[in-house]
N, C-alpha and C. Protein backbone atom coordinates (compact mmCIF):
# COMPACT_ATOMS: atom_id res chain seq x y z
N UNK A 1 -29.15 30.06 9.84
CA UNK A 1 -28.35 29.57 8.67
C UNK A 1 -27.52 28.39 8.79
N UNK A 2 -27.58 27.33 7.74
CA UNK A 2 -26.16 26.61 8.07
C UNK A 2 -24.61 26.68 7.43
N UNK A 3 -24.29 26.60 8.54
CA UNK A 3 -22.36 27.18 8.64
C UNK A 3 -21.99 26.51 6.97
N UNK A 4 -21.22 26.77 6.11
CA UNK A 4 -20.63 26.28 5.37
C UNK A 4 -19.34 25.68 5.72
N UNK A 5 -18.97 24.45 5.04
CA UNK A 5 -17.78 23.66 5.57
C UNK A 5 -16.74 24.34 4.43
N UNK A 6 -15.30 24.15 5.66
CA UNK A 6 -14.20 24.85 5.06
C UNK A 6 -14.02 23.98 3.57
N UNK A 7 -13.21 24.97 2.51
CA UNK A 7 -12.64 24.48 1.12
C UNK A 7 -11.57 23.98 1.53
N UNK A 8 -11.22 22.41 1.12
CA UNK A 8 -9.81 22.32 1.19
C UNK A 8 -8.77 22.39 -0.32
N UNK A 9 -8.80 23.36 -0.78
CA UNK A 9 -7.70 23.46 -2.16
C UNK A 9 -6.56 22.82 -1.95
N UNK A 10 -5.85 22.67 -0.99
CA UNK A 10 -4.66 21.98 -1.25
C UNK A 10 -4.47 21.18 0.00
N UNK A 11 -4.33 19.82 -0.75
CA UNK A 11 -4.03 18.88 0.40
C UNK A 11 -2.59 19.03 0.82
N UNK A 12 -2.73 18.11 2.01
CA UNK A 12 -1.16 17.83 2.90
C UNK A 12 -0.53 16.89 2.49
N UNK A 13 -1.88 15.64 1.72
CA UNK A 13 -1.29 14.09 1.50
C UNK A 13 0.08 14.26 0.12
N UNK A 14 0.57 13.53 0.71
CA UNK A 14 1.89 13.40 -0.81
C UNK A 14 1.97 11.94 -0.58
N UNK A 15 2.33 11.74 -1.96
CA UNK A 15 1.49 9.80 -2.46
C UNK A 15 3.32 9.72 -2.10
N UNK A 16 3.51 8.17 -2.03
CA UNK A 16 5.01 7.72 -1.76
C UNK A 16 5.78 7.97 -3.33
N UNK A 17 6.88 7.81 -3.31
CA UNK A 17 7.56 7.81 -4.62
C UNK A 17 8.06 6.68 -5.04
N UNK A 18 7.00 5.67 -5.78
CA UNK A 18 7.22 4.28 -6.07
C UNK A 18 8.99 3.82 -6.89
N UNK A 19 9.12 5.10 -6.96
CA UNK A 19 10.80 4.59 -8.04
C UNK A 19 11.60 4.35 -6.74
N UNK A 20 11.26 4.55 -5.66
CA UNK A 20 12.13 4.45 -4.27
C UNK A 20 11.43 3.45 -3.71
N UNK A 21 10.61 2.33 -3.93
CA UNK A 21 10.14 1.34 -3.29
C UNK A 21 10.37 0.20 -4.55
N UNK A 22 10.24 -1.13 -3.68
CA UNK A 22 10.95 -2.28 -4.46
C UNK A 22 9.30 -2.77 -4.48
N UNK A 23 8.66 -3.39 -5.62
CA UNK A 23 7.56 -4.23 -5.71
C UNK A 23 7.62 -5.36 -5.42
N UNK A 24 6.55 -6.17 -4.56
CA UNK A 24 6.68 -7.80 -4.51
C UNK A 24 5.30 -8.16 -5.01
N UNK A 25 5.26 -8.85 -5.93
CA UNK A 25 4.28 -9.63 -6.64
C UNK A 25 3.53 -10.64 -5.77
N UNK A 26 2.28 -10.64 -5.10
CA UNK A 26 1.51 -11.50 -4.39
C UNK A 26 1.08 -12.68 -5.27
N UNK A 27 0.07 -12.14 -5.80
CA UNK A 27 -0.50 -13.04 -6.96
C UNK A 27 -1.01 -11.98 -8.33
N UNK A 28 -1.72 -12.49 -9.35
CA UNK A 28 -1.54 -11.87 -10.71
C UNK A 28 -2.27 -10.73 -10.46
N UNK A 29 -3.16 -10.35 -9.60
CA UNK A 29 -3.64 -9.16 -9.20
C UNK A 29 -3.14 -8.28 -8.44
N UNK A 30 -2.46 -8.70 -7.85
CA UNK A 30 -1.76 -8.36 -5.87
C UNK A 30 -0.55 -7.65 -6.62
N UNK A 31 0.17 -6.37 -5.98
CA UNK A 31 1.51 -5.79 -5.65
C UNK A 31 1.28 -5.26 -4.65
N UNK A 32 2.23 -5.28 -3.56
CA UNK A 32 2.51 -4.43 -2.44
C UNK A 32 3.92 -3.53 -2.81
N UNK A 33 3.96 -2.37 -2.10
CA UNK A 33 5.41 -1.81 -2.32
C UNK A 33 6.32 -1.64 -0.76
N UNK A 34 7.50 -2.19 -0.83
CA UNK A 34 8.20 -2.33 0.41
C UNK A 34 9.74 -1.48 0.28
N UNK A 35 9.91 -1.13 1.67
CA UNK A 35 11.18 -0.41 1.29
C UNK A 35 12.35 -1.06 0.49
N UNK A 36 13.44 -0.53 -0.14
CA UNK A 36 14.37 -0.97 -0.41
C UNK A 36 14.94 -2.47 0.06
N UNK A 37 15.32 -2.02 1.04
CA UNK A 37 15.90 -2.69 2.65
C UNK A 37 15.30 -3.75 2.93
N UNK A 38 13.77 -3.91 2.73
CA UNK A 38 12.96 -4.83 3.23
C UNK A 38 13.15 -6.28 2.51
N UNK A 39 12.86 -7.25 3.53
CA UNK A 39 13.02 -8.62 2.96
C UNK A 39 11.66 -8.83 2.13
N UNK A 40 11.87 -9.74 0.70
CA UNK A 40 10.67 -9.50 0.05
C UNK A 40 9.65 -10.96 0.45
N UNK A 41 10.43 -12.09 1.17
CA UNK A 41 9.52 -13.14 1.78
C UNK A 41 9.03 -12.98 2.89
N UNK A 42 9.44 -11.96 3.80
CA UNK A 42 8.78 -11.83 5.21
C UNK A 42 7.73 -10.90 4.58
N UNK A 43 8.14 -9.90 4.10
CA UNK A 43 7.07 -8.94 3.38
C UNK A 43 5.16 -10.12 2.91
N UNK A 44 6.20 -10.73 1.90
CA UNK A 44 5.13 -11.74 1.42
C UNK A 44 4.19 -12.30 2.43
N UNK A 45 5.02 -12.81 3.23
CA UNK A 45 4.38 -14.09 4.49
C UNK A 45 3.73 -13.09 5.56
N UNK A 46 3.79 -11.63 6.00
CA UNK A 46 3.26 -10.80 6.39
C UNK A 46 1.85 -10.45 5.74
N UNK A 47 1.82 -10.15 4.52
CA UNK A 47 0.59 -9.84 4.12
C UNK A 47 -0.29 -11.13 3.89
N UNK A 48 -0.20 -12.34 3.40
CA UNK A 48 -0.47 -13.08 3.26
C UNK A 48 -1.40 -13.78 4.96
N UNK A 49 -0.44 -13.55 5.86
CA UNK A 49 -0.97 -13.71 7.13
C UNK A 49 -2.49 -13.03 7.86
N UNK A 50 -2.36 -11.75 7.11
CA UNK A 50 -3.10 -10.80 7.26
C UNK A 50 -4.46 -11.33 6.67
N UNK A 51 -4.56 -12.05 5.62
CA UNK A 51 -5.46 -12.44 4.84
C UNK A 51 -5.60 -13.95 4.44
N UNK A 52 -5.82 -14.48 5.73
CA UNK A 52 -5.73 -15.82 5.87
C UNK A 52 -6.59 -16.88 4.87
N UNK A 53 -7.80 -16.18 4.29
CA UNK A 53 -8.47 -16.99 3.42
C UNK A 53 -8.57 -16.80 1.63
N UNK A 54 -7.39 -15.86 1.68
CA UNK A 54 -7.04 -15.50 0.23
C UNK A 54 -6.56 -17.08 -0.37
N UNK A 55 -6.91 -17.68 -1.58
CA UNK A 55 -6.43 -18.42 -2.23
C UNK A 55 -5.45 -17.81 -3.44
N UNK A 56 -4.09 -18.59 -3.05
CA UNK A 56 -3.15 -18.16 -4.05
C UNK A 56 -3.00 -19.41 -5.28
N UNK A 57 -2.77 -18.94 -6.38
CA UNK A 57 -2.67 -20.02 -7.59
C UNK A 57 -1.38 -19.72 -7.97
């Protein structure tokens, strides 16, 4: 017989509370969320450094 996989009815993952985070707009379709005390320009530069081929208009 094939053993059954366990059923995960309750997830332990908790979604972050977006009301406690600051939105940073990268382009017209990309928004990232950072902590309130972080710098917006640093976060934007860090994101764009990860994706060097991305065109920003």
